[in-house]
Amino acid sequence: MKFAKYNNFWWRYDENTPLNKAKLINLVGGYSTGNDITNCEIAEAESFEDLDWNGTDILNDKYATGWLDRHGKFYGCEYRSHSMQAELVHHSSRRELEKKGWIHIGQDMFYGKQLAQYFGDYENGVMPTDAQMMYLAKHKSIDAGYVLRAYELGNREKARIYEQKLKESEQKQPNCDDEELM
């Protein structure tokens, strides 16, 4: 299939339409007609998941909202695109990332400020990592109250055991993608 990067998003391109009046189909089958994509990037892929989403609204560090992984690496996305990023970039559901201990950095719709939320699997020792806490400490504009409470009140011993298991797993599989482990 062919895809066109149009308006900061990948769309499936209907090859039966000319580039200057293209029919574009989105992720859920909705479409837009009459689009001029003559100067847009065109790519071939099997599915939306196989595309490089870097630089789009789904994966772009220009956004202050996004996901913070276990290593403290931030993946920015437009404030309504967390679920799409989870699926298209990290090949997980939003809930799976949360259970693995990724921090959701969203936007408080009432006050308009950034808000970090943490929904880790506490019973299995999935707590915020030191790397995540350091990231949040550096970015003072993010309200991290929920994460701080999880970090302070959680079972740190279980968290240390969990982190050690992750490190051992990474050492056994040096060629695997960190995102799949986290």
N, C-alpha and C. Protein backbone atom coordinates (compact mmCIF):
# COMPACT_ATOMS: atom_id res chain seq x y z
N MET A 1 0.84 -1.18 0.00
CA MET A 1 0.00 0.00 0.00
C MET A 1 0.89 1.24 0.00
N LYS A 2 0.33 2.31 -0.53
CA LYS A 2 1.04 3.58 -0.52
C LYS A 2 0.42 4.51 0.51
N PHE A 3 1.29 5.28 1.14
CA PHE A 3 0.88 6.22 2.16
C PHE A 3 1.48 7.58 1.86
N ALA A 4 0.78 8.63 2.25
CA ALA A 4 1.27 10.00 2.08
C ALA A 4 1.29 10.69 3.43
N LYS A 5 2.39 11.40 3.72
CA LYS A 5 2.48 12.18 4.95
C LYS A 5 1.90 13.56 4.62
N TYR A 6 0.70 13.81 5.13
CA TYR A 6 -0.06 15.02 4.81
C TYR A 6 -0.56 15.65 6.09
N ASN A 7 -0.31 16.94 6.27
CA ASN A 7 -0.74 17.66 7.48
C ASN A 7 -0.27 16.97 8.76
N ASN A 8 1.00 16.59 8.78
CA ASN A 8 1.62 16.01 9.98
C ASN A 8 1.05 14.65 10.39
N PHE A 9 0.56 13.89 9.41
CA PHE A 9 -0.03 12.59 9.71
C PHE A 9 0.12 11.71 8.48
N TRP A 10 0.25 10.40 8.70
CA TRP A 10 0.27 9.45 7.58
C TRP A 10 -1.16 9.06 7.20
N TRP A 11 -1.43 9.10 5.92
CA TRP A 11 -2.72 8.69 5.36
C TRP A 11 -2.46 7.63 4.30
N ARG A 12 -3.36 6.67 4.16
CA ARG A 12 -3.25 5.73 3.04
C ARG A 12 -3.70 6.48 1.79
N TYR A 13 -2.92 6.35 0.75
CA TYR A 13 -3.17 7.07 -0.50
C TYR A 13 -3.86 6.14 -1.49
N ASP A 14 -5.00 6.56 -2.02
CA ASP A 14 -5.70 5.81 -3.06
C ASP A 14 -4.99 6.08 -4.38
N GLU A 15 -4.25 5.10 -4.86
CA GLU A 15 -3.44 5.26 -6.06
C GLU A 15 -4.26 5.49 -7.33
N ASN A 16 -5.56 5.30 -7.26
CA ASN A 16 -6.43 5.54 -8.42
C ASN A 16 -6.78 7.01 -8.58
N THR A 17 -6.29 7.84 -7.69
CA THR A 17 -6.56 9.28 -7.77
C THR A 17 -5.25 10.01 -8.07
N PRO A 18 -5.30 11.12 -8.80
CA PRO A 18 -4.07 11.87 -9.11
C PRO A 18 -3.51 12.54 -7.86
N LEU A 19 -2.19 12.77 -7.85
CA LEU A 19 -1.53 13.38 -6.70
C LEU A 19 -2.09 14.75 -6.34
N ASN A 20 -2.53 15.51 -7.33
CA ASN A 20 -3.03 16.86 -7.05
C ASN A 20 -4.48 16.87 -6.58
N LYS A 21 -5.17 15.72 -6.64
CA LYS A 21 -6.55 15.60 -6.15
C LYS A 21 -6.73 14.26 -5.45
N ALA A 22 -5.80 13.94 -4.58
CA ALA A 22 -5.73 12.61 -3.98
C ALA A 22 -6.85 12.34 -2.99
N LYS A 23 -7.24 11.08 -2.98
CA LYS A 23 -8.14 10.59 -1.94
C LYS A 23 -7.26 9.96 -0.88
N LEU A 24 -7.40 10.41 0.38
CA LEU A 24 -6.61 9.92 1.49
C LEU A 24 -7.52 9.25 2.51
N ILE A 25 -7.06 8.09 3.01
CA ILE A 25 -7.86 7.31 3.95
C ILE A 25 -7.11 7.25 5.29
N ASN A 26 -7.82 7.55 6.38
CA ASN A 26 -7.16 7.55 7.70
C ASN A 26 -7.19 6.17 8.34
N LEU A 27 -6.72 6.09 9.56
CA LEU A 27 -6.61 4.83 10.30
C LEU A 27 -7.91 4.05 10.45
N VAL A 28 -9.00 4.76 10.60
CA VAL A 28 -10.28 4.09 10.85
C VAL A 28 -11.17 4.01 9.62
N GLY A 29 -10.62 4.36 8.46
CA GLY A 29 -11.37 4.23 7.22
C GLY A 29 -12.04 5.49 6.74
N GLY A 30 -12.01 6.55 7.52
CA GLY A 30 -12.54 7.82 7.05
C GLY A 30 -11.65 8.36 5.94
N TYR A 31 -12.22 9.19 5.08
CA TYR A 31 -11.40 9.66 3.97
C TYR A 31 -11.63 11.13 3.68
N SER A 32 -10.68 11.66 2.94
CA SER A 32 -10.72 13.05 2.50
C SER A 32 -10.34 13.07 1.04
N THR A 33 -11.06 13.82 0.23
CA THR A 33 -10.78 13.85 -1.21
C THR A 33 -10.30 15.23 -1.64
N GLY A 34 -9.69 15.27 -2.81
CA GLY A 34 -9.25 16.53 -3.40
C GLY A 34 -8.01 17.12 -2.78
N ASN A 35 -7.17 16.30 -2.16
CA ASN A 35 -5.96 16.78 -1.48
C ASN A 35 -4.77 16.84 -2.44
N ASP A 36 -4.04 17.93 -2.40
CA ASP A 36 -2.84 18.06 -3.23
C ASP A 36 -1.64 17.53 -2.44
N ILE A 37 -1.17 16.37 -2.83
CA ILE A 37 -0.03 15.75 -2.14
C ILE A 37 1.20 15.68 -3.05
N THR A 38 1.26 16.53 -4.05
CA THR A 38 2.39 16.50 -4.99
C THR A 38 3.72 16.75 -4.29
N ASN A 39 3.75 17.51 -3.22
CA ASN A 39 5.00 17.79 -2.52
C ASN A 39 5.11 17.03 -1.19
N CYS A 40 4.27 16.04 -0.99
CA CYS A 40 4.28 15.28 0.26
C CYS A 40 5.16 14.03 0.13
N GLU A 41 5.64 13.57 1.27
CA GLU A 41 6.40 12.32 1.30
C GLU A 41 5.44 11.16 1.05
N ILE A 42 5.83 10.27 0.15
CA ILE A 42 5.04 9.08 -0.17
C ILE A 42 5.88 7.87 0.24
N ALA A 43 5.25 6.88 0.88
CA ALA A 43 5.96 5.68 1.32
C ALA A 43 5.11 4.45 1.03
N GLU A 44 5.79 3.32 0.85
CA GLU A 44 5.09 2.04 0.71
C GLU A 44 5.30 1.26 1.99
N ALA A 45 4.22 0.66 2.47
CA ALA A 45 4.28 -0.15 3.70
C ALA A 45 3.10 -1.10 3.70
N GLU A 46 3.20 -2.13 4.54
CA GLU A 46 2.12 -3.10 4.68
C GLU A 46 0.94 -2.53 5.48
N SER A 47 1.26 -1.66 6.47
CA SER A 47 0.22 -1.13 7.34
C SER A 47 0.69 0.19 7.96
N PHE A 48 -0.21 0.86 8.64
CA PHE A 48 0.12 2.09 9.34
C PHE A 48 1.23 1.86 10.38
N GLU A 49 1.23 0.69 11.03
CA GLU A 49 2.21 0.38 12.06
C GLU A 49 3.64 0.30 11.52
N ASP A 50 3.80 0.06 10.23
CA ASP A 50 5.12 -0.09 9.62
C ASP A 50 5.73 1.24 9.18
N LEU A 51 5.02 2.33 9.33
CA LEU A 51 5.51 3.64 8.88
C LEU A 51 6.38 4.30 9.95
N ASP A 52 7.24 5.21 9.52
CA ASP A 52 8.06 5.99 10.44
C ASP A 52 7.23 7.21 10.86
N TRP A 53 6.78 7.21 12.09
CA TRP A 53 5.90 8.28 12.59
C TRP A 53 6.67 9.47 13.13
N ASN A 54 8.00 9.41 13.12
CA ASN A 54 8.81 10.51 13.63
C ASN A 54 8.53 11.79 12.85
N GLY A 55 8.32 12.88 13.58
CA GLY A 55 8.04 14.17 12.94
C GLY A 55 6.58 14.43 12.66
N THR A 56 5.71 13.49 13.05
CA THR A 56 4.26 13.68 12.87
C THR A 56 3.65 14.07 14.21
N ASP A 57 2.34 14.26 14.22
CA ASP A 57 1.66 14.57 15.48
C ASP A 57 1.69 13.38 16.45
N ILE A 58 1.99 12.20 15.94
CA ILE A 58 2.02 10.98 16.75
C ILE A 58 3.36 10.81 17.47
N LEU A 59 4.46 11.29 16.88
CA LEU A 59 5.78 11.18 17.50
C LEU A 59 6.61 12.40 17.13
N ASN A 60 6.63 13.36 18.06
CA ASN A 60 7.33 14.61 17.78
C ASN A 60 7.66 15.28 19.12
N ASP A 61 8.94 15.48 19.35
CA ASP A 61 9.36 16.06 20.64
C ASP A 61 9.06 17.54 20.76
N LYS A 62 8.46 18.14 19.75
CA LYS A 62 8.04 19.55 19.89
C LYS A 62 6.85 19.65 20.85
N TYR A 63 6.18 18.53 21.07
CA TYR A 63 5.02 18.53 21.97
C TYR A 63 5.47 18.33 23.41
N ALA A 64 4.79 18.97 24.34
CA ALA A 64 5.10 18.84 25.76
C ALA A 64 4.36 17.66 26.38
N THR A 65 3.44 17.05 25.64
CA THR A 65 2.70 15.89 26.12
C THR A 65 3.22 14.66 25.39
N GLY A 66 3.10 13.50 26.05
CA GLY A 66 3.57 12.26 25.44
C GLY A 66 3.79 11.18 26.48
N TRP A 67 4.72 10.28 26.20
CA TRP A 67 5.03 9.16 27.08
C TRP A 67 6.46 9.26 27.58
N LEU A 68 6.68 8.86 28.82
CA LEU A 68 8.01 8.81 29.42
C LEU A 68 8.31 7.34 29.74
N ASP A 69 9.33 6.78 29.06
CA ASP A 69 9.60 5.35 29.27
C ASP A 69 10.39 5.12 30.56
N ARG A 70 10.71 3.88 30.85
CA ARG A 70 11.37 3.50 32.10
C ARG A 70 12.79 4.04 32.20
N HIS A 71 13.41 4.36 31.05
CA HIS A 71 14.77 4.91 31.04
C HIS A 71 14.79 6.43 31.14
N GLY A 72 13.61 7.05 31.22
CA GLY A 72 13.53 8.51 31.27
C GLY A 72 13.56 9.15 29.90
N LYS A 73 13.32 8.37 28.85
CA LYS A 73 13.28 8.91 27.49
C LYS A 73 11.84 9.36 27.19
N PHE A 74 11.72 10.58 26.70
CA PHE A 74 10.41 11.16 26.41
C PHE A 74 10.07 10.97 24.93
N TYR A 75 8.82 10.59 24.67
CA TYR A 75 8.29 10.45 23.31
C TYR A 75 7.10 11.39 23.19
N GLY A 76 7.31 12.53 22.58
CA GLY A 76 6.26 13.54 22.48
C GLY A 76 5.18 13.19 21.47
N CYS A 77 3.97 13.64 21.76
CA CYS A 77 2.86 13.51 20.83
C CYS A 77 1.84 14.61 21.10
N GLU A 78 1.00 14.86 20.15
CA GLU A 78 -0.09 15.81 20.31
C GLU A 78 -0.95 15.32 21.48
N TYR A 79 -1.50 16.21 22.26
CA TYR A 79 -2.10 15.84 23.56
C TYR A 79 -3.23 14.82 23.48
N ARG A 80 -3.82 14.61 22.32
CA ARG A 80 -4.90 13.61 22.19
C ARG A 80 -4.42 12.32 21.54
N SER A 81 -3.11 12.16 21.35
CA SER A 81 -2.60 11.06 20.52
C SER A 81 -1.86 9.97 21.29
N HIS A 82 -2.01 9.91 22.61
CA HIS A 82 -1.28 8.91 23.39
C HIS A 82 -1.61 7.47 22.97
N SER A 83 -2.88 7.18 22.78
CA SER A 83 -3.27 5.82 22.41
C SER A 83 -2.73 5.45 21.03
N MET A 84 -2.80 6.39 20.10
CA MET A 84 -2.28 6.12 18.76
C MET A 84 -0.78 5.90 18.79
N GLN A 85 -0.05 6.71 19.59
CA GLN A 85 1.39 6.51 19.68
C GLN A 85 1.70 5.14 20.28
N ALA A 86 0.97 4.77 21.33
CA ALA A 86 1.19 3.46 21.95
C ALA A 86 1.08 2.35 20.91
N GLU A 87 0.05 2.40 20.09
CA GLU A 87 -0.19 1.35 19.12
C GLU A 87 0.74 1.43 17.91
N LEU A 88 0.89 2.62 17.34
CA LEU A 88 1.63 2.75 16.08
C LEU A 88 3.14 2.78 16.24
N VAL A 89 3.63 3.31 17.35
CA VAL A 89 5.08 3.45 17.54
C VAL A 89 5.63 2.37 18.46
N HIS A 90 4.95 2.12 19.57
CA HIS A 90 5.46 1.19 20.58
C HIS A 90 4.82 -0.20 20.46
N HIS A 91 3.86 -0.35 19.56
CA HIS A 91 3.20 -1.63 19.29
C HIS A 91 2.65 -2.27 20.56
N SER A 92 2.02 -1.44 21.37
CA SER A 92 1.37 -1.84 22.62
C SER A 92 0.09 -1.04 22.76
N SER A 93 -0.76 -1.49 23.64
CA SER A 93 -1.92 -0.67 23.95
C SER A 93 -1.51 0.37 24.98
N ARG A 94 -2.32 1.37 25.13
CA ARG A 94 -2.09 2.39 26.15
C ARG A 94 -1.98 1.75 27.53
N ARG A 95 -2.88 0.84 27.84
CA ARG A 95 -2.89 0.18 29.15
C ARG A 95 -1.65 -0.67 29.35
N GLU A 96 -1.16 -1.33 28.30
CA GLU A 96 0.06 -2.14 28.43
C GLU A 96 1.26 -1.26 28.79
N LEU A 97 1.38 -0.09 28.15
CA LEU A 97 2.47 0.82 28.50
C LEU A 97 2.36 1.27 29.95
N GLU A 98 1.14 1.57 30.37
CA GLU A 98 0.93 2.01 31.75
C GLU A 98 1.32 0.91 32.73
N LYS A 99 0.92 -0.33 32.45
CA LYS A 99 1.25 -1.44 33.36
C LYS A 99 2.75 -1.70 33.40
N LYS A 100 3.45 -1.43 32.29
CA LYS A 100 4.91 -1.60 32.24
C LYS A 100 5.63 -0.48 32.98
N GLY A 101 4.87 0.53 33.40
CA GLY A 101 5.47 1.60 34.18
C GLY A 101 5.82 2.85 33.40
N TRP A 102 5.32 2.98 32.18
CA TRP A 102 5.54 4.21 31.43
C TRP A 102 4.66 5.30 32.04
N ILE A 103 5.14 6.52 32.02
CA ILE A 103 4.40 7.64 32.58
C ILE A 103 3.71 8.41 31.45
N HIS A 104 2.42 8.63 31.63
CA HIS A 104 1.60 9.39 30.70
C HIS A 104 1.70 10.86 31.08
N ILE A 105 2.23 11.68 30.17
CA ILE A 105 2.29 13.12 30.41
C ILE A 105 1.25 13.76 29.51
N GLY A 106 0.18 14.19 30.14
CA GLY A 106 -0.94 14.76 29.41
C GLY A 106 -1.12 16.23 29.74
N GLN A 107 -2.32 16.67 29.48
CA GLN A 107 -2.65 18.08 29.72
C GLN A 107 -3.90 18.14 30.58
N ASP A 108 -3.81 18.85 31.69
CA ASP A 108 -4.96 19.07 32.55
C ASP A 108 -5.90 20.01 31.79
N MET A 109 -7.05 19.51 31.41
CA MET A 109 -7.97 20.27 30.56
C MET A 109 -8.59 21.46 31.29
N PHE A 110 -8.65 21.41 32.61
CA PHE A 110 -9.25 22.50 33.35
C PHE A 110 -8.28 23.66 33.50
N TYR A 111 -7.02 23.34 33.89
CA TYR A 111 -6.02 24.38 34.13
C TYR A 111 -5.07 24.59 32.96
N GLY A 112 -5.02 23.64 32.03
CA GLY A 112 -4.17 23.78 30.85
C GLY A 112 -2.71 23.48 31.09
N LYS A 113 -2.36 22.91 32.23
CA LYS A 113 -0.95 22.62 32.50
C LYS A 113 -0.67 21.14 32.24
N GLN A 114 0.62 20.81 32.15
CA GLN A 114 1.03 19.43 31.95
C GLN A 114 0.81 18.64 33.23
N LEU A 115 0.42 17.39 33.07
CA LEU A 115 0.12 16.54 34.20
C LEU A 115 0.69 15.15 33.95
N ALA A 116 1.54 14.68 34.86
CA ALA A 116 2.10 13.33 34.75
C ALA A 116 1.21 12.36 35.53
N GLN A 117 0.90 11.24 34.89
CA GLN A 117 0.08 10.23 35.53
C GLN A 117 0.78 8.89 35.46
N TYR A 118 0.68 8.14 36.55
CA TYR A 118 1.36 6.87 36.66
C TYR A 118 0.38 5.78 37.07
N PHE A 119 0.32 4.70 36.29
CA PHE A 119 -0.61 3.61 36.56
C PHE A 119 0.13 2.27 36.55
N GLY A 120 1.32 2.20 37.13
CA GLY A 120 2.13 0.98 37.10
C GLY A 120 1.50 -0.17 37.86
N ASP A 121 2.07 -1.33 37.68
CA ASP A 121 1.61 -2.56 38.32
C ASP A 121 2.31 -2.68 39.69
N TYR A 122 1.78 -1.96 40.68
CA TYR A 122 2.41 -1.86 42.00
C TYR A 122 2.65 -3.22 42.65
N GLU A 123 1.68 -4.12 42.51
CA GLU A 123 1.79 -5.41 43.19
C GLU A 123 2.99 -6.21 42.72
N ASN A 124 3.43 -5.98 41.51
CA ASN A 124 4.59 -6.68 40.98
C ASN A 124 5.85 -5.82 41.02
N GLY A 125 5.81 -4.74 41.77
CA GLY A 125 6.99 -3.91 41.94
C GLY A 125 7.26 -2.92 40.84
N VAL A 126 6.29 -2.67 40.00
CA VAL A 126 6.48 -1.71 38.92
C VAL A 126 6.22 -0.31 39.48
N MET A 127 7.31 0.36 39.81
CA MET A 127 7.25 1.68 40.41
C MET A 127 7.95 2.67 39.47
N PRO A 128 7.73 3.97 39.65
CA PRO A 128 8.48 4.93 38.85
C PRO A 128 9.98 4.73 39.07
N THR A 129 10.76 4.82 38.01
CA THR A 129 12.21 4.63 38.11
C THR A 129 12.89 5.93 38.50
N ASP A 130 14.13 5.81 38.93
CA ASP A 130 14.92 7.00 39.24
C ASP A 130 15.08 7.85 38.00
N ALA A 131 15.26 7.22 36.83
CA ALA A 131 15.42 7.97 35.58
C ALA A 131 14.17 8.79 35.27
N GLN A 132 13.00 8.22 35.50
CA GLN A 132 11.75 8.95 35.29
C GLN A 132 11.64 10.11 36.27
N MET A 133 12.00 9.87 37.52
CA MET A 133 11.91 10.92 38.52
C MET A 133 12.88 12.06 38.20
N MET A 134 14.06 11.72 37.69
CA MET A 134 15.03 12.76 37.32
C MET A 134 14.49 13.60 36.16
N TYR A 135 13.85 12.96 35.19
CA TYR A 135 13.26 13.70 34.07
C TYR A 135 12.21 14.68 34.60
N LEU A 136 11.34 14.19 35.45
CA LEU A 136 10.27 15.04 35.98
C LEU A 136 10.83 16.18 36.85
N ALA A 137 11.91 15.90 37.58
CA ALA A 137 12.53 16.94 38.40
C ALA A 137 13.11 18.05 37.52
N LYS A 138 13.63 17.68 36.35
CA LYS A 138 14.21 18.68 35.43
C LYS A 138 13.13 19.51 34.74
N HIS A 139 11.96 18.95 34.60
CA HIS A 139 10.86 19.61 33.89
C HIS A 139 9.81 20.07 34.90
N LYS A 140 10.11 21.15 35.54
CA LYS A 140 9.29 21.67 36.65
C LYS A 140 7.88 22.08 36.22
N SER A 141 7.67 22.31 34.93
CA SER A 141 6.34 22.72 34.48
C SER A 141 5.34 21.56 34.52
N ILE A 142 5.82 20.35 34.68
CA ILE A 142 4.95 19.18 34.73
C ILE A 142 4.49 18.95 36.18
N ASP A 143 3.19 18.89 36.39
CA ASP A 143 2.65 18.55 37.70
C ASP A 143 2.83 17.05 37.89
N ALA A 144 3.77 16.68 38.74
CA ALA A 144 4.11 15.27 38.94
C ALA A 144 3.66 14.76 40.31
N GLY A 145 2.69 15.39 40.91
CA GLY A 145 2.23 15.01 42.24
C GLY A 145 1.80 13.56 42.35
N TYR A 146 1.07 13.06 41.35
CA TYR A 146 0.61 11.67 41.38
C TYR A 146 1.79 10.70 41.32
N VAL A 147 2.76 11.02 40.49
CA VAL A 147 3.92 10.16 40.34
C VAL A 147 4.77 10.19 41.60
N LEU A 148 4.95 11.36 42.19
CA LEU A 148 5.74 11.47 43.42
C LEU A 148 5.13 10.63 44.54
N ARG A 149 3.80 10.65 44.65
CA ARG A 149 3.14 9.85 45.68
C ARG A 149 3.37 8.37 45.45
N ALA A 150 3.30 7.93 44.19
CA ALA A 150 3.55 6.52 43.86
C ALA A 150 4.99 6.16 44.20
N TYR A 151 5.90 7.05 43.91
CA TYR A 151 7.32 6.82 44.17
C TYR A 151 7.60 6.74 45.67
N GLU A 152 7.00 7.62 46.43
CA GLU A 152 7.24 7.66 47.88
C GLU A 152 6.53 6.56 48.64
N LEU A 153 5.31 6.23 48.24
CA LEU A 153 4.51 5.29 49.00
C LEU A 153 4.66 3.84 48.55
N GLY A 154 5.23 3.64 47.38
CA GLY A 154 5.34 2.29 46.83
C GLY A 154 6.36 1.43 47.54
N ASN A 155 6.31 0.17 47.26
CA ASN A 155 7.24 -0.79 47.83
C ASN A 155 8.54 -0.73 47.03
N ARG A 156 9.52 0.02 47.53
CA ARG A 156 10.78 0.21 46.81
C ARG A 156 11.57 -1.09 46.68
N GLU A 157 11.44 -2.01 47.62
CA GLU A 157 12.18 -3.26 47.52
C GLU A 157 11.67 -4.08 46.33
N LYS A 158 10.34 -4.17 46.18
CA LYS A 158 9.78 -4.86 45.01
C LYS A 158 10.21 -4.16 43.73
N ALA A 159 10.26 -2.86 43.76
CA ALA A 159 10.66 -2.09 42.58
C ALA A 159 12.11 -2.40 42.22
N ARG A 160 12.99 -2.50 43.20
CA ARG A 160 14.40 -2.82 42.93
C ARG A 160 14.53 -4.21 42.32
N ILE A 161 13.77 -5.17 42.82
CA ILE A 161 13.78 -6.54 42.27
C ILE A 161 13.31 -6.52 40.82
N TYR A 162 12.24 -5.79 40.56
CA TYR A 162 11.70 -5.67 39.20
C TYR A 162 12.74 -5.05 38.26
N GLU A 163 13.38 -3.97 38.68
CA GLU A 163 14.39 -3.30 37.86
C GLU A 163 15.57 -4.25 37.59
N GLN A 164 15.96 -5.05 38.58
CA GLN A 164 17.06 -6.00 38.39
C GLN A 164 16.67 -7.06 37.36
N LYS A 165 15.43 -7.53 37.41
CA LYS A 165 14.96 -8.50 36.42
C LYS A 165 15.00 -7.90 35.02
N LEU A 166 14.62 -6.64 34.89
CA LEU A 166 14.68 -5.99 33.58
C LEU A 166 16.11 -5.90 33.08
N LYS A 167 17.04 -5.52 33.95
CA LYS A 167 18.45 -5.42 33.55
C LYS A 167 18.99 -6.77 33.12
N GLU A 168 18.68 -7.82 33.86
CA GLU A 168 19.13 -9.16 33.50
C GLU A 168 18.54 -9.59 32.16
N SER A 169 17.29 -9.28 31.95
CA SER A 169 16.63 -9.61 30.69
C SER A 169 17.28 -8.88 29.53
N GLU A 170 17.66 -7.62 29.72
CA GLU A 170 18.33 -6.84 28.68
C GLU A 170 19.69 -7.43 28.36
N GLN A 171 20.42 -7.92 29.37
CA GLN A 171 21.74 -8.49 29.15
C GLN A 171 21.65 -9.80 28.39
N LYS A 172 20.59 -10.56 28.60
CA LYS A 172 20.41 -11.83 27.89
C LYS A 172 20.04 -11.62 26.44
N GLN A 173 19.38 -10.49 26.13
CA GLN A 173 18.90 -10.22 24.78
C GLN A 173 19.45 -8.88 24.31
N PRO A 174 20.75 -8.80 23.97
CA PRO A 174 21.35 -7.51 23.64
C PRO A 174 20.83 -6.86 22.37
N ASN A 175 20.21 -7.62 21.46
CA ASN A 175 19.76 -7.04 20.21
C ASN A 175 18.28 -6.67 20.21
N CYS A 176 17.61 -6.84 21.33
CA CYS A 176 16.18 -6.54 21.35
C CYS A 176 15.94 -5.06 21.59
N ASP A 177 14.75 -4.64 21.25
CA ASP A 177 14.35 -3.25 21.40
C ASP A 177 13.95 -2.96 22.84
N ASP A 178 14.57 -1.94 23.45
CA ASP A 178 14.27 -1.60 24.85
C ASP A 178 12.79 -1.38 25.09
N GLU A 179 12.08 -0.83 24.10
CA GLU A 179 10.67 -0.50 24.30
C GLU A 179 9.85 -1.75 24.56
N GLU A 180 10.25 -2.89 23.97
CA GLU A 180 9.48 -4.11 24.17
C GLU A 180 9.67 -4.64 25.58
N LEU A 181 10.84 -4.42 26.18
CA LEU A 181 11.08 -4.86 27.54
C LEU A 181 10.40 -3.97 28.55
N MET A 182 10.27 -2.71 28.22
CA MET A 182 9.74 -1.75 29.16
C MET A 182 8.28 -1.64 28.95
